[in-house]
Amino acid sequence: MPDSLILHEDPVSGNCYKIRLTAALLGIGLERRFYDITNGDTRTKAFLTQVDANGRIPVLQAGDRFLPESNAACFYLADGSQLVPDDRFARADMLRWMFFEQYQHEPNIATMRFWLHVLGEGNLSPQQRAMMETKREGGQAALALMDRHLSTRDWFVAGGNPTLADIALFAYTHVAHEGGFSLNDFGAIRAWIERMRALPRFTPMQG
């Protein structure tokens, strides 16, 4: 791994937090460079030509190479560590939950959090307002599935230890209330959140 690791991020983003939490749990140092996504900082010519042509963060810079997509960056940091299972099936199951996070969890819970917590409900477009109920239903369904799964185990993947699946899902789940989602009925999720916070070298989202 290169000596120089730079995280191009907006601290309010849960996707950026995944990478910081992965690095913290593994004792890996990151230099942080900050961008305000609400101010168009990732749409400048400099960012698009030098960091990511897609104009999105997070981007993990490893030496002179740039790796976008939060879960890919987490895997780059954690490959070969205890956060990635040795067992072939368990490793695939970890990826299953990371795909679930990106396709069913994040598009609903993270989007609602961004709309309500970052933009503010009064600033939403009519199109965004029209989508809110669907996003709420999708987020509730994702949380219910997670809670059922965690009701019989401590971590998302069998093996007795947290993996990248837990990190990926923790990032936006623990702040789901900022998107209007209550965890009051999800006791297994709440207990899992406390287990995550108790991990050695855990770092909070705005740390």
N, C-alpha and C. Protein backbone atom coordinates (compact mmCIF):
# COMPACT_ATOMS: atom_id res chain seq x y z
N MET A 1 0.85 -1.19 0.00
CA MET A 1 0.00 0.00 0.00
C MET A 1 0.89 1.25 0.00
N PRO A 2 0.57 2.26 -0.83
CA PRO A 2 1.41 3.45 -0.90
C PRO A 2 1.50 4.18 0.44
N ASP A 3 2.61 4.89 0.64
CA ASP A 3 2.76 5.68 1.86
C ASP A 3 1.74 6.80 1.92
N SER A 4 1.36 7.33 0.75
CA SER A 4 0.44 8.46 0.68
C SER A 4 -0.96 8.00 0.33
N LEU A 5 -1.88 8.15 1.27
CA LEU A 5 -3.30 7.86 1.04
C LEU A 5 -4.09 9.12 1.34
N ILE A 6 -4.83 9.60 0.35
CA ILE A 6 -5.60 10.84 0.49
C ILE A 6 -7.06 10.53 0.23
N LEU A 7 -7.92 10.95 1.14
CA LEU A 7 -9.36 10.79 0.96
C LEU A 7 -9.96 12.13 0.55
N HIS A 8 -10.48 12.18 -0.65
CA HIS A 8 -11.21 13.35 -1.14
C HIS A 8 -12.66 13.16 -0.70
N GLU A 9 -13.16 14.03 0.16
CA GLU A 9 -14.43 13.75 0.83
C GLU A 9 -15.20 15.00 1.23
N ASP A 10 -16.46 14.78 1.55
CA ASP A 10 -17.31 15.73 2.27
C ASP A 10 -17.67 15.05 3.59
N PRO A 11 -17.28 15.61 4.75
CA PRO A 11 -17.49 14.93 6.03
C PRO A 11 -18.95 14.58 6.33
N VAL A 12 -19.90 15.25 5.69
CA VAL A 12 -21.31 14.96 5.97
C VAL A 12 -21.75 13.66 5.30
N SER A 13 -20.95 13.15 4.38
CA SER A 13 -21.33 11.98 3.59
C SER A 13 -21.05 10.68 4.32
N GLY A 14 -22.05 9.82 4.39
CA GLY A 14 -21.85 8.49 4.96
C GLY A 14 -20.96 7.63 4.09
N ASN A 15 -21.01 7.81 2.78
CA ASN A 15 -20.13 7.05 1.90
C ASN A 15 -18.67 7.38 2.16
N CYS A 16 -18.38 8.63 2.44
CA CYS A 16 -17.02 9.02 2.80
C CYS A 16 -16.65 8.45 4.17
N TYR A 17 -17.60 8.46 5.08
CA TYR A 17 -17.35 7.95 6.43
C TYR A 17 -16.98 6.47 6.41
N LYS A 18 -17.58 5.69 5.52
CA LYS A 18 -17.22 4.26 5.42
C LYS A 18 -15.71 4.08 5.30
N ILE A 19 -15.11 4.88 4.45
CA ILE A 19 -13.68 4.75 4.19
C ILE A 19 -12.88 5.19 5.41
N ARG A 20 -13.29 6.28 6.03
CA ARG A 20 -12.59 6.74 7.23
C ARG A 20 -12.70 5.73 8.37
N LEU A 21 -13.89 5.12 8.51
CA LEU A 21 -14.07 4.14 9.58
C LEU A 21 -13.25 2.88 9.30
N THR A 22 -13.24 2.43 8.06
CA THR A 22 -12.41 1.27 7.70
C THR A 22 -10.95 1.54 8.04
N ALA A 23 -10.46 2.69 7.63
CA ALA A 23 -9.06 3.04 7.89
C ALA A 23 -8.79 3.12 9.39
N ALA A 24 -9.71 3.72 10.13
CA ALA A 24 -9.51 3.87 11.58
C ALA A 24 -9.45 2.51 12.26
N LEU A 25 -10.37 1.61 11.91
CA LEU A 25 -10.39 0.29 12.54
C LEU A 25 -9.13 -0.51 12.24
N LEU A 26 -8.51 -0.21 11.11
CA LEU A 26 -7.29 -0.92 10.72
C LEU A 26 -6.02 -0.17 11.11
N GLY A 27 -6.17 1.01 11.69
CA GLY A 27 -5.00 1.80 12.08
C GLY A 27 -4.25 2.38 10.91
N ILE A 28 -4.97 2.66 9.81
CA ILE A 28 -4.35 3.23 8.60
C ILE A 28 -4.58 4.74 8.60
N GLY A 29 -3.54 5.50 8.40
CA GLY A 29 -3.66 6.95 8.36
C GLY A 29 -4.11 7.45 7.00
N LEU A 30 -4.97 8.45 7.00
CA LEU A 30 -5.45 9.08 5.77
C LEU A 30 -5.27 10.59 5.86
N GLU A 31 -4.79 11.18 4.79
CA GLU A 31 -4.88 12.63 4.66
C GLU A 31 -6.27 12.94 4.12
N ARG A 32 -6.89 13.99 4.62
CA ARG A 32 -8.25 14.32 4.20
C ARG A 32 -8.29 15.64 3.46
N ARG A 33 -8.98 15.64 2.32
CA ARG A 33 -9.20 16.87 1.56
C ARG A 33 -10.70 17.06 1.42
N PHE A 34 -11.17 18.24 1.76
CA PHE A 34 -12.59 18.48 1.92
C PHE A 34 -13.21 19.22 0.74
N TYR A 35 -14.44 18.80 0.43
CA TYR A 35 -15.23 19.40 -0.64
C TYR A 35 -16.66 19.55 -0.14
N ASP A 36 -17.32 20.63 -0.54
CA ASP A 36 -18.73 20.84 -0.20
C ASP A 36 -19.56 20.49 -1.43
N ILE A 37 -20.24 19.33 -1.35
CA ILE A 37 -20.99 18.90 -2.52
C ILE A 37 -22.18 19.80 -2.82
N THR A 38 -22.69 20.51 -1.81
CA THR A 38 -23.82 21.41 -2.05
C THR A 38 -23.38 22.71 -2.70
N ASN A 39 -22.07 22.94 -2.73
CA ASN A 39 -21.52 24.16 -3.32
C ASN A 39 -20.90 23.91 -4.68
N GLY A 40 -21.05 22.69 -5.19
CA GLY A 40 -20.51 22.37 -6.50
C GLY A 40 -19.01 22.15 -6.55
N ASP A 41 -18.41 21.86 -5.39
CA ASP A 41 -16.95 21.72 -5.36
C ASP A 41 -16.43 20.56 -6.20
N THR A 42 -17.27 19.54 -6.41
CA THR A 42 -16.81 18.38 -7.18
C THR A 42 -17.14 18.51 -8.67
N ARG A 43 -17.66 19.66 -9.05
CA ARG A 43 -18.01 19.90 -10.45
C ARG A 43 -17.07 20.89 -11.12
N THR A 44 -16.02 21.28 -10.43
CA THR A 44 -15.06 22.21 -11.01
C THR A 44 -14.20 21.50 -12.04
N LYS A 45 -13.61 22.26 -12.93
CA LYS A 45 -12.74 21.69 -13.96
C LYS A 45 -11.56 20.97 -13.31
N ALA A 46 -11.03 21.54 -12.24
CA ALA A 46 -9.87 20.93 -11.57
C ALA A 46 -10.22 19.56 -11.00
N PHE A 47 -11.39 19.47 -10.35
CA PHE A 47 -11.78 18.18 -9.76
C PHE A 47 -12.05 17.16 -10.86
N LEU A 48 -12.78 17.57 -11.89
CA LEU A 48 -13.17 16.64 -12.95
C LEU A 48 -11.96 16.12 -13.73
N THR A 49 -10.93 16.93 -13.86
CA THR A 49 -9.77 16.52 -14.64
C THR A 49 -8.69 15.86 -13.79
N GLN A 50 -8.64 16.18 -12.50
CA GLN A 50 -7.54 15.71 -11.67
C GLN A 50 -7.95 14.61 -10.68
N VAL A 51 -9.24 14.57 -10.29
CA VAL A 51 -9.66 13.63 -9.25
C VAL A 51 -10.63 12.58 -9.79
N ASP A 52 -11.78 13.00 -10.29
CA ASP A 52 -12.78 12.04 -10.77
C ASP A 52 -13.62 12.68 -11.86
N ALA A 53 -13.57 12.10 -13.04
CA ALA A 53 -14.31 12.64 -14.18
C ALA A 53 -15.82 12.55 -13.99
N ASN A 54 -16.27 11.71 -13.06
CA ASN A 54 -17.69 11.58 -12.78
C ASN A 54 -18.19 12.65 -11.81
N GLY A 55 -17.28 13.40 -11.23
CA GLY A 55 -17.66 14.52 -10.36
C GLY A 55 -18.31 14.10 -9.07
N ARG A 56 -17.84 12.97 -8.49
CA ARG A 56 -18.45 12.48 -7.26
C ARG A 56 -17.37 12.16 -6.22
N ILE A 57 -17.79 12.19 -4.99
CA ILE A 57 -16.93 11.73 -3.90
C ILE A 57 -17.69 10.67 -3.12
N PRO A 58 -16.96 9.83 -2.37
CA PRO A 58 -15.54 9.88 -2.07
C PRO A 58 -14.67 9.34 -3.21
N VAL A 59 -13.42 9.78 -3.16
CA VAL A 59 -12.38 9.22 -4.01
C VAL A 59 -11.17 8.98 -3.11
N LEU A 60 -10.64 7.78 -3.14
CA LEU A 60 -9.43 7.46 -2.39
C LEU A 60 -8.25 7.55 -3.34
N GLN A 61 -7.31 8.40 -3.00
CA GLN A 61 -6.11 8.56 -3.81
C GLN A 61 -4.98 7.76 -3.17
N ALA A 62 -4.45 6.80 -3.91
CA ALA A 62 -3.34 5.97 -3.44
C ALA A 62 -2.13 6.28 -4.30
N GLY A 63 -1.25 7.11 -3.78
CA GLY A 63 -0.13 7.58 -4.60
C GLY A 63 -0.65 8.45 -5.72
N ASP A 64 -0.41 8.04 -6.96
CA ASP A 64 -0.90 8.82 -8.10
C ASP A 64 -2.10 8.17 -8.78
N ARG A 65 -2.74 7.20 -8.08
CA ARG A 65 -3.92 6.54 -8.62
C ARG A 65 -5.16 6.92 -7.80
N PHE A 66 -6.30 6.96 -8.48
CA PHE A 66 -7.53 7.43 -7.86
C PHE A 66 -8.59 6.33 -7.94
N LEU A 67 -9.21 6.04 -6.80
CA LEU A 67 -10.22 4.98 -6.72
C LEU A 67 -11.54 5.55 -6.21
N PRO A 68 -12.52 5.76 -7.09
CA PRO A 68 -13.85 6.18 -6.64
C PRO A 68 -14.66 4.98 -6.17
N GLU A 69 -15.88 5.25 -5.70
CA GLU A 69 -16.82 4.26 -5.18
C GLU A 69 -16.39 3.81 -3.78
N SER A 70 -17.22 4.13 -2.81
CA SER A 70 -16.87 3.93 -1.40
C SER A 70 -16.56 2.49 -1.04
N ASN A 71 -17.37 1.55 -1.51
CA ASN A 71 -17.15 0.16 -1.12
C ASN A 71 -15.90 -0.42 -1.76
N ALA A 72 -15.57 0.04 -2.97
CA ALA A 72 -14.32 -0.39 -3.60
C ALA A 72 -13.13 0.14 -2.81
N ALA A 73 -13.21 1.39 -2.37
CA ALA A 73 -12.12 1.98 -1.59
C ALA A 73 -11.96 1.26 -0.25
N CYS A 74 -13.08 0.90 0.38
CA CYS A 74 -13.01 0.15 1.64
C CYS A 74 -12.33 -1.19 1.41
N PHE A 75 -12.67 -1.86 0.32
CA PHE A 75 -12.06 -3.15 0.04
C PHE A 75 -10.56 -3.01 -0.21
N TYR A 76 -10.17 -1.96 -0.91
CA TYR A 76 -8.74 -1.72 -1.15
C TYR A 76 -7.99 -1.62 0.16
N LEU A 77 -8.54 -0.89 1.12
CA LEU A 77 -7.88 -0.72 2.41
C LEU A 77 -7.87 -2.01 3.23
N ALA A 78 -8.96 -2.78 3.14
CA ALA A 78 -9.15 -3.91 4.06
C ALA A 78 -8.71 -5.25 3.50
N ASP A 79 -8.42 -5.34 2.20
CA ASP A 79 -8.06 -6.62 1.60
C ASP A 79 -6.87 -7.23 2.35
N GLY A 80 -7.04 -8.49 2.79
CA GLY A 80 -6.00 -9.16 3.55
C GLY A 80 -6.09 -8.96 5.06
N SER A 81 -7.07 -8.19 5.51
CA SER A 81 -7.24 -7.93 6.94
C SER A 81 -8.38 -8.77 7.50
N GLN A 82 -8.61 -8.64 8.80
CA GLN A 82 -9.69 -9.38 9.46
C GLN A 82 -11.07 -8.87 9.06
N LEU A 83 -11.15 -7.74 8.37
CA LEU A 83 -12.43 -7.21 7.93
C LEU A 83 -12.95 -7.89 6.66
N VAL A 84 -12.11 -8.70 6.03
CA VAL A 84 -12.50 -9.47 4.85
C VAL A 84 -12.32 -10.96 5.17
N PRO A 85 -13.40 -11.74 5.20
CA PRO A 85 -13.29 -13.15 5.62
C PRO A 85 -12.38 -13.96 4.71
N ASP A 86 -11.72 -14.96 5.31
CA ASP A 86 -10.91 -15.89 4.53
C ASP A 86 -11.78 -16.92 3.81
N ASP A 87 -12.87 -17.32 4.47
CA ASP A 87 -13.76 -18.32 3.90
C ASP A 87 -14.42 -17.80 2.62
N ARG A 88 -14.42 -18.60 1.58
CA ARG A 88 -14.92 -18.16 0.28
C ARG A 88 -16.39 -17.76 0.32
N PHE A 89 -17.23 -18.59 0.96
CA PHE A 89 -18.66 -18.26 1.03
C PHE A 89 -18.88 -17.01 1.87
N ALA A 90 -18.20 -16.92 3.01
CA ALA A 90 -18.37 -15.75 3.88
C ALA A 90 -17.94 -14.48 3.16
N ARG A 91 -16.89 -14.57 2.36
CA ARG A 91 -16.43 -13.39 1.61
C ARG A 91 -17.49 -12.97 0.59
N ALA A 92 -18.10 -13.95 -0.08
CA ALA A 92 -19.18 -13.64 -1.02
C ALA A 92 -20.40 -13.08 -0.30
N ASP A 93 -20.67 -13.60 0.90
CA ASP A 93 -21.80 -13.10 1.69
C ASP A 93 -21.56 -11.66 2.12
N MET A 94 -20.32 -11.32 2.44
CA MET A 94 -19.96 -9.94 2.74
C MET A 94 -20.29 -9.04 1.55
N LEU A 95 -19.91 -9.50 0.35
CA LEU A 95 -20.21 -8.71 -0.85
C LEU A 95 -21.71 -8.60 -1.08
N ARG A 96 -22.43 -9.68 -0.77
CA ARG A 96 -23.90 -9.63 -0.91
C ARG A 96 -24.49 -8.48 -0.12
N TRP A 97 -24.05 -8.32 1.14
CA TRP A 97 -24.58 -7.25 1.97
C TRP A 97 -24.09 -5.88 1.52
N MET A 98 -22.90 -5.82 0.97
CA MET A 98 -22.41 -4.55 0.44
C MET A 98 -23.18 -4.15 -0.81
N PHE A 99 -23.57 -5.12 -1.64
CA PHE A 99 -24.42 -4.83 -2.79
C PHE A 99 -25.82 -4.40 -2.33
N PHE A 100 -26.34 -5.08 -1.32
CA PHE A 100 -27.63 -4.71 -0.74
C PHE A 100 -27.60 -3.27 -0.26
N GLU A 101 -26.50 -2.90 0.39
CA GLU A 101 -26.39 -1.53 0.90
C GLU A 101 -26.47 -0.51 -0.23
N GLN A 102 -25.82 -0.78 -1.34
CA GLN A 102 -25.80 0.17 -2.45
C GLN A 102 -27.08 0.19 -3.26
N TYR A 103 -27.77 -0.94 -3.33
CA TYR A 103 -28.94 -1.02 -4.21
C TYR A 103 -30.28 -0.84 -3.49
N GLN A 104 -30.37 -1.20 -2.20
CA GLN A 104 -31.64 -1.13 -1.49
C GLN A 104 -31.62 -0.21 -0.28
N HIS A 105 -30.49 -0.11 0.36
CA HIS A 105 -30.39 0.66 1.60
C HIS A 105 -30.02 2.12 1.32
N GLU A 106 -28.88 2.34 0.72
CA GLU A 106 -28.37 3.69 0.49
C GLU A 106 -29.28 4.55 -0.39
N PRO A 107 -29.86 4.02 -1.48
CA PRO A 107 -30.70 4.87 -2.31
C PRO A 107 -31.93 5.41 -1.59
N ASN A 108 -32.35 4.75 -0.53
CA ASN A 108 -33.52 5.21 0.23
C ASN A 108 -33.13 5.98 1.48
N ILE A 109 -32.35 5.36 2.35
CA ILE A 109 -32.04 5.99 3.64
C ILE A 109 -31.07 7.15 3.47
N ALA A 110 -30.03 6.96 2.67
CA ALA A 110 -29.07 8.05 2.47
C ALA A 110 -29.70 9.21 1.70
N THR A 111 -30.53 8.89 0.72
CA THR A 111 -31.18 9.94 -0.05
C THR A 111 -32.11 10.77 0.83
N MET A 112 -32.92 10.11 1.66
CA MET A 112 -33.80 10.84 2.57
C MET A 112 -33.00 11.69 3.55
N ARG A 113 -31.89 11.15 4.04
CA ARG A 113 -31.05 11.94 4.95
C ARG A 113 -30.50 13.17 4.24
N PHE A 114 -30.06 13.03 3.02
CA PHE A 114 -29.52 14.16 2.27
C PHE A 114 -30.60 15.20 2.04
N TRP A 115 -31.78 14.74 1.65
CA TRP A 115 -32.87 15.68 1.39
C TRP A 115 -33.27 16.45 2.65
N LEU A 116 -33.44 15.75 3.76
CA LEU A 116 -33.98 16.38 4.97
C LEU A 116 -32.90 17.03 5.84
N HIS A 117 -31.76 16.37 5.98
CA HIS A 117 -30.72 16.84 6.90
C HIS A 117 -29.75 17.83 6.26
N VAL A 118 -29.45 17.62 5.00
CA VAL A 118 -28.47 18.47 4.32
C VAL A 118 -29.16 19.59 3.54
N LEU A 119 -30.08 19.22 2.65
CA LEU A 119 -30.75 20.24 1.86
C LEU A 119 -31.84 20.97 2.64
N GLY A 120 -32.61 20.23 3.45
CA GLY A 120 -33.75 20.81 4.15
C GLY A 120 -35.02 20.62 3.35
N GLU A 121 -36.09 20.20 4.02
CA GLU A 121 -37.33 19.87 3.31
C GLU A 121 -37.87 21.04 2.52
N GLY A 122 -37.68 22.25 3.05
CA GLY A 122 -38.19 23.43 2.35
C GLY A 122 -37.50 23.72 1.04
N ASN A 123 -36.37 23.10 0.80
CA ASN A 123 -35.61 23.34 -0.43
C ASN A 123 -35.78 22.23 -1.46
N LEU A 124 -36.64 21.27 -1.19
CA LEU A 124 -36.81 20.16 -2.11
C LEU A 124 -37.66 20.55 -3.31
N SER A 125 -37.38 19.93 -4.43
CA SER A 125 -38.16 20.16 -5.65
C SER A 125 -39.47 19.38 -5.57
N PRO A 126 -40.45 19.73 -6.39
CA PRO A 126 -41.69 18.94 -6.43
C PRO A 126 -41.42 17.47 -6.76
N GLN A 127 -40.44 17.21 -7.62
CA GLN A 127 -40.12 15.83 -7.97
C GLN A 127 -39.57 15.07 -6.77
N GLN A 128 -38.73 15.71 -6.00
CA GLN A 128 -38.18 15.07 -4.80
C GLN A 128 -39.28 14.81 -3.78
N ARG A 129 -40.15 15.77 -3.59
CA ARG A 129 -41.26 15.59 -2.65
C ARG A 129 -42.15 14.43 -3.07
N ALA A 130 -42.35 14.29 -4.35
CA ALA A 130 -43.22 13.21 -4.86
C ALA A 130 -42.61 11.83 -4.62
N MET A 131 -41.30 11.78 -4.47
CA MET A 131 -40.61 10.50 -4.28
C MET A 131 -40.43 10.13 -2.81
N MET A 132 -40.76 11.02 -1.90
CA MET A 132 -40.43 10.80 -0.49
C MET A 132 -41.12 9.57 0.09
N GLU A 133 -42.36 9.35 -0.21
CA GLU A 133 -43.07 8.21 0.38
C GLU A 133 -42.48 6.89 -0.10
N THR A 134 -42.14 6.83 -1.38
CA THR A 134 -41.52 5.62 -1.91
C THR A 134 -40.17 5.37 -1.25
N LYS A 135 -39.41 6.45 -1.04
CA LYS A 135 -38.11 6.33 -0.37
C LYS A 135 -38.30 5.87 1.09
N ARG A 136 -39.30 6.39 1.76
CA ARG A 136 -39.57 5.96 3.14
C ARG A 136 -39.91 4.47 3.19
N GLU A 137 -40.77 4.03 2.29
CA GLU A 137 -41.16 2.63 2.28
C GLU A 137 -39.96 1.73 1.99
N GLY A 138 -39.14 2.13 1.04
CA GLY A 138 -37.97 1.34 0.71
C GLY A 138 -36.97 1.28 1.86
N GLY A 139 -36.79 2.40 2.55
CA GLY A 139 -35.89 2.44 3.70
C GLY A 139 -36.40 1.59 4.85
N GLN A 140 -37.68 1.65 5.10
CA GLN A 140 -38.28 0.83 6.17
C GLN A 140 -38.12 -0.66 5.87
N ALA A 141 -38.32 -1.02 4.62
CA ALA A 141 -38.18 -2.43 4.23
C ALA A 141 -36.74 -2.90 4.42
N ALA A 142 -35.78 -2.07 4.07
CA ALA A 142 -34.37 -2.42 4.24
C ALA A 142 -34.02 -2.60 5.72
N LEU A 143 -34.50 -1.68 6.55
CA LEU A 143 -34.23 -1.77 7.99
C LEU A 143 -34.88 -3.00 8.60
N ALA A 144 -36.09 -3.32 8.18
CA ALA A 144 -36.78 -4.49 8.71
C ALA A 144 -36.02 -5.77 8.36
N LEU A 145 -35.52 -5.86 7.14
CA LEU A 145 -34.76 -7.03 6.73
C LEU A 145 -33.47 -7.15 7.55
N MET A 146 -32.79 -6.03 7.73
CA MET A 146 -31.56 -6.02 8.53
C MET A 146 -31.84 -6.46 9.97
N ASP A 147 -32.91 -5.95 10.54
CA ASP A 147 -33.23 -6.27 11.93
C ASP A 147 -33.53 -7.76 12.10
N ARG A 148 -34.26 -8.34 11.16
CA ARG A 148 -34.54 -9.78 11.22
C ARG A 148 -33.24 -10.57 11.15
N HIS A 149 -32.37 -10.16 10.27
CA HIS A 149 -31.09 -10.87 10.11
C HIS A 149 -30.25 -10.79 11.39
N LEU A 150 -30.19 -9.60 11.98
CA LEU A 150 -29.37 -9.40 13.17
C LEU A 150 -29.99 -9.96 14.44
N SER A 151 -31.23 -10.38 14.38
CA SER A 151 -31.88 -10.91 15.58
C SER A 151 -31.29 -12.24 16.00
N THR A 152 -30.53 -12.89 15.12
CA THR A 152 -29.96 -14.21 15.44
C THR A 152 -28.44 -14.22 15.38
N ARG A 153 -27.82 -13.05 15.24
CA ARG A 153 -26.35 -13.01 15.12
C ARG A 153 -25.86 -11.62 15.50
N ASP A 154 -24.58 -11.51 15.81
CA ASP A 154 -24.00 -10.22 16.20
C ASP A 154 -23.60 -9.37 15.00
N TRP A 155 -23.17 -10.04 13.91
CA TRP A 155 -22.65 -9.33 12.74
C TRP A 155 -23.32 -9.86 11.49
N PHE A 156 -23.22 -9.14 10.41
CA PHE A 156 -23.95 -9.53 9.20
C PHE A 156 -23.45 -10.81 8.57
N VAL A 157 -22.16 -11.10 8.70
CA VAL A 157 -21.57 -12.28 8.08
C VAL A 157 -21.14 -13.25 9.16
N ALA A 158 -21.38 -14.53 8.96
CA ALA A 158 -21.00 -15.55 9.93
C ALA A 158 -19.49 -15.56 10.12
N GLY A 159 -19.07 -15.84 11.34
CA GLY A 159 -17.65 -15.91 11.63
C GLY A 159 -17.26 -15.26 12.93
N GLY A 160 -18.18 -14.52 13.53
CA GLY A 160 -17.93 -13.96 14.85
C GLY A 160 -17.23 -12.63 14.89
N ASN A 161 -16.97 -12.04 13.71
CA ASN A 161 -16.28 -10.75 13.67
C ASN A 161 -16.98 -9.80 12.70
N PRO A 162 -16.84 -8.50 12.91
CA PRO A 162 -17.37 -7.55 11.92
C PRO A 162 -16.57 -7.62 10.63
N THR A 163 -17.23 -7.30 9.54
CA THR A 163 -16.59 -7.25 8.22
C THR A 163 -16.93 -5.93 7.55
N LEU A 164 -16.48 -5.79 6.33
CA LEU A 164 -16.83 -4.58 5.57
C LEU A 164 -18.33 -4.44 5.38
N ALA A 165 -19.07 -5.54 5.43
CA ALA A 165 -20.53 -5.46 5.33
C ALA A 165 -21.10 -4.63 6.47
N ASP A 166 -20.57 -4.83 7.67
CA ASP A 166 -21.05 -4.06 8.83
C ASP A 166 -20.69 -2.59 8.69
N ILE A 167 -19.49 -2.30 8.21
CA ILE A 167 -19.08 -0.91 8.04
C ILE A 167 -19.95 -0.22 7.01
N ALA A 168 -20.17 -0.91 5.87
CA ALA A 168 -20.96 -0.30 4.80
C ALA A 168 -22.37 0.02 5.27
N LEU A 169 -22.97 -0.89 6.04
CA LEU A 169 -24.35 -0.68 6.48
C LEU A 169 -24.45 0.26 7.68
N PHE A 170 -23.41 0.30 8.49
CA PHE A 170 -23.42 1.15 9.67
C PHE A 170 -23.48 2.63 9.30
N ALA A 171 -22.76 3.01 8.25
CA ALA A 171 -22.56 4.42 7.94
C ALA A 171 -23.85 5.22 7.90
N TYR A 172 -24.83 4.74 7.16
CA TYR A 172 -26.09 5.49 7.07
C TYR A 172 -27.16 4.99 8.03
N THR A 173 -27.03 3.76 8.53
CA THR A 173 -28.04 3.26 9.47
C THR A 173 -28.00 4.01 10.79
N HIS A 174 -26.82 4.29 11.29
CA HIS A 174 -26.74 4.92 12.61
C HIS A 174 -27.18 6.38 12.61
N VAL A 175 -27.34 6.96 11.41
CA VAL A 175 -27.88 8.32 11.31
C VAL A 175 -29.20 8.31 10.55
N ALA A 176 -29.87 7.16 10.52
CA ALA A 176 -31.13 7.05 9.77
C ALA A 176 -32.18 8.02 10.29
N HIS A 177 -32.11 8.36 11.59
CA HIS A 177 -33.09 9.29 12.15
C HIS A 177 -33.02 10.65 11.47
N GLU A 178 -31.84 11.00 10.93
CA GLU A 178 -31.70 12.28 10.24
C GLU A 178 -32.44 12.28 8.90
N GLY A 179 -32.84 11.10 8.45
CA GLY A 179 -33.65 10.99 7.24
C GLY A 179 -35.10 10.68 7.54
N GLY A 180 -35.48 10.78 8.83
CA GLY A 180 -36.86 10.56 9.22
C GLY A 180 -37.21 9.12 9.54
N PHE A 181 -36.20 8.27 9.71
CA PHE A 181 -36.43 6.86 10.03
C PHE A 181 -36.18 6.62 11.52
N SER A 182 -37.15 6.04 12.19
CA SER A 182 -37.01 5.70 13.60
C SER A 182 -36.50 4.27 13.74
N LEU A 183 -35.55 4.09 14.66
CA LEU A 183 -35.04 2.75 14.95
C LEU A 183 -35.68 2.16 16.20
N ASN A 184 -36.71 2.80 16.72
CA ASN A 184 -37.34 2.34 17.97
C ASN A 184 -37.84 0.91 17.89
N ASP A 185 -38.32 0.51 16.74
CA ASP A 185 -38.87 -0.84 16.60
C ASP A 185 -37.83 -1.87 16.14
N PHE A 186 -36.59 -1.43 16.02
CA PHE A 186 -35.54 -2.31 15.51
C PHE A 186 -34.46 -2.53 16.57
N GLY A 187 -34.82 -3.33 17.57
CA GLY A 187 -33.92 -3.56 18.69
C GLY A 187 -32.62 -4.23 18.31
N ALA A 188 -32.67 -5.15 17.35
CA ALA A 188 -31.45 -5.85 16.94
C ALA A 188 -30.48 -4.89 16.25
N ILE A 189 -31.01 -3.96 15.47
CA ILE A 189 -30.16 -2.95 14.83
C ILE A 189 -29.54 -2.05 15.89
N ARG A 190 -30.32 -1.63 16.87
CA ARG A 190 -29.77 -0.75 17.90
C ARG A 190 -28.65 -1.43 18.67
N ALA A 191 -28.82 -2.71 18.99
CA ALA A 191 -27.77 -3.45 19.71
C ALA A 191 -26.52 -3.58 18.84
N TRP A 192 -26.71 -3.81 17.56
CA TRP A 192 -25.58 -3.90 16.62
C TRP A 192 -24.84 -2.57 16.52
N ILE A 193 -25.57 -1.47 16.49
CA ILE A 193 -24.94 -0.16 16.45
C ILE A 193 -24.03 0.04 17.67
N GLU A 194 -24.50 -0.37 18.83
CA GLU A 194 -23.67 -0.24 20.03
C GLU A 194 -22.44 -1.14 19.96
N ARG A 195 -22.57 -2.33 19.37
CA ARG A 195 -21.40 -3.19 19.19
C ARG A 195 -20.39 -2.53 18.25
N MET A 196 -20.87 -1.90 17.21
CA MET A 196 -19.97 -1.19 16.30
C MET A 196 -19.24 -0.07 17.03
N ARG A 197 -19.95 0.69 17.81
CA ARG A 197 -19.34 1.82 18.51
C ARG A 197 -18.33 1.38 19.56
N ALA A 198 -18.45 0.13 20.01
CA ALA A 198 -17.54 -0.39 21.03
C ALA A 198 -16.26 -1.01 20.44
N LEU A 199 -16.16 -1.06 19.11
CA LEU A 199 -14.98 -1.66 18.50
C LEU A 199 -13.72 -0.83 18.80
N PRO A 200 -12.59 -1.48 19.01
CA PRO A 200 -11.33 -0.76 19.20
C PRO A 200 -11.02 0.14 18.00
N ARG A 201 -10.60 1.38 18.29
CA ARG A 201 -10.23 2.38 17.28
C ARG A 201 -11.44 2.94 16.52
N PHE A 202 -12.67 2.63 16.98
CA PHE A 202 -13.86 3.22 16.35
C PHE A 202 -13.74 4.74 16.32
N THR A 203 -14.15 5.33 15.22
CA THR A 203 -14.15 6.78 15.10
C THR A 203 -15.54 7.24 14.68
N PRO A 204 -16.07 8.31 15.29
CA PRO A 204 -17.41 8.76 14.94
C PRO A 204 -17.45 9.43 13.57
N MET A 205 -18.64 9.63 13.06
CA MET A 205 -18.81 10.12 11.69
C MET A 205 -18.16 11.47 11.45
N GLN A 206 -18.30 12.38 12.39
CA GLN A 206 -17.73 13.72 12.19
C GLN A 206 -16.36 13.85 12.83
N GLY A 207 -15.72 12.70 13.11
CA GLY A 207 -14.41 12.73 13.74
C GLY A 207 -13.32 13.17 12.80
